[in-house]
Amino acid sequence: MPSCPPLDIDRITPMLQGRWQVTTVVSTGSTNADLLVRARRGAEAGQVLVAENQTAGRGRFERCWLSPPGSSLSTSVLLRPSRPMTDWGWLSLLVGVAVRDGVAAAGAGDRVRLKWPNDVLVGGRKICGILCEGAGAAVVCGFGINVSQGLDELVFPNATSLLLEGLPTDKTLVLAAILRRFAELVDAWDDGQDVSPDYIAACSTIGRQVRVHLDAEHPDEGTVVGTAVGIGDDGELLVEIDGEIRPFSAGDVVHLR
């Protein structure tokens, strides 16, 4: 694995203009779990925790997200939204938009897109895992980006990394771009603004024929096929099936050719 310098706190702090307070650890089980503990103890919003090595990272459906030490950007952000908890489902989608836009700004351009709900893909291959978890009035938004892994270090066959895609592997610049964009999106959402256009613009699922696996852990136990036509008020995927539009708030989506 090529060397990848760790996040530079001195460099990133002025880039964030006081919006986020970033701290780092060499190794931890899960940055999400660590920030959830802080949240339950009353920590203020705006804290960001970054780990060089995460040994028990998780994604959607409790899938593991592991990588060699120093090769990923494992990050969690603490929020205390003013909007009701019933609206928090949008946050995981907004993390996806922020990561997508940050990686695009790093040089990926139109090659980086979202697959509903928040899979960040570069050239059709996954580069990021996202998980948001609540703790009372707080929510922790976590994301792990593959930065410098080689092909033999990627756990999943459809994964990629910034290095493999020929993109900059400067963790400081990439994270700064993501956090600045996330601040814009979260502030707009928390203000009650409609953020669905930002999501739709970043998402390649809309307009595609898709297969929805209703049970992600048992994909053969129920699927539907239709055309993804939009996003609902709560971030659910709207799929037209035999002339009827149905919302899906969970499940794995496969893009069909």
Foldseek 3Di string as FASTA:
>chain_A
DDAFDDADPVVQVVLQVPQADEDEDAEDQAPQVVVLVVVLVPDAFRYKYWYQAHNADAFPPRHGDHFPGNQKTKMKGKDQFPDDPLQCLCLQQLLLLLLQQLQCVQPLPPQWFAAPPRFIGGVQAGFKGWDWDDRVRMIMIIMMGGAHDDCVGDPDNRHDHCVRVVTDRRSSSSVSSSVVSSVVQRVCVSVVHDCQVSSVVRHPQAQFWKKWQLDAVDSVPDIAIFHFHGADPSRWTWGQHPNDTDTDPDTDMDTDD
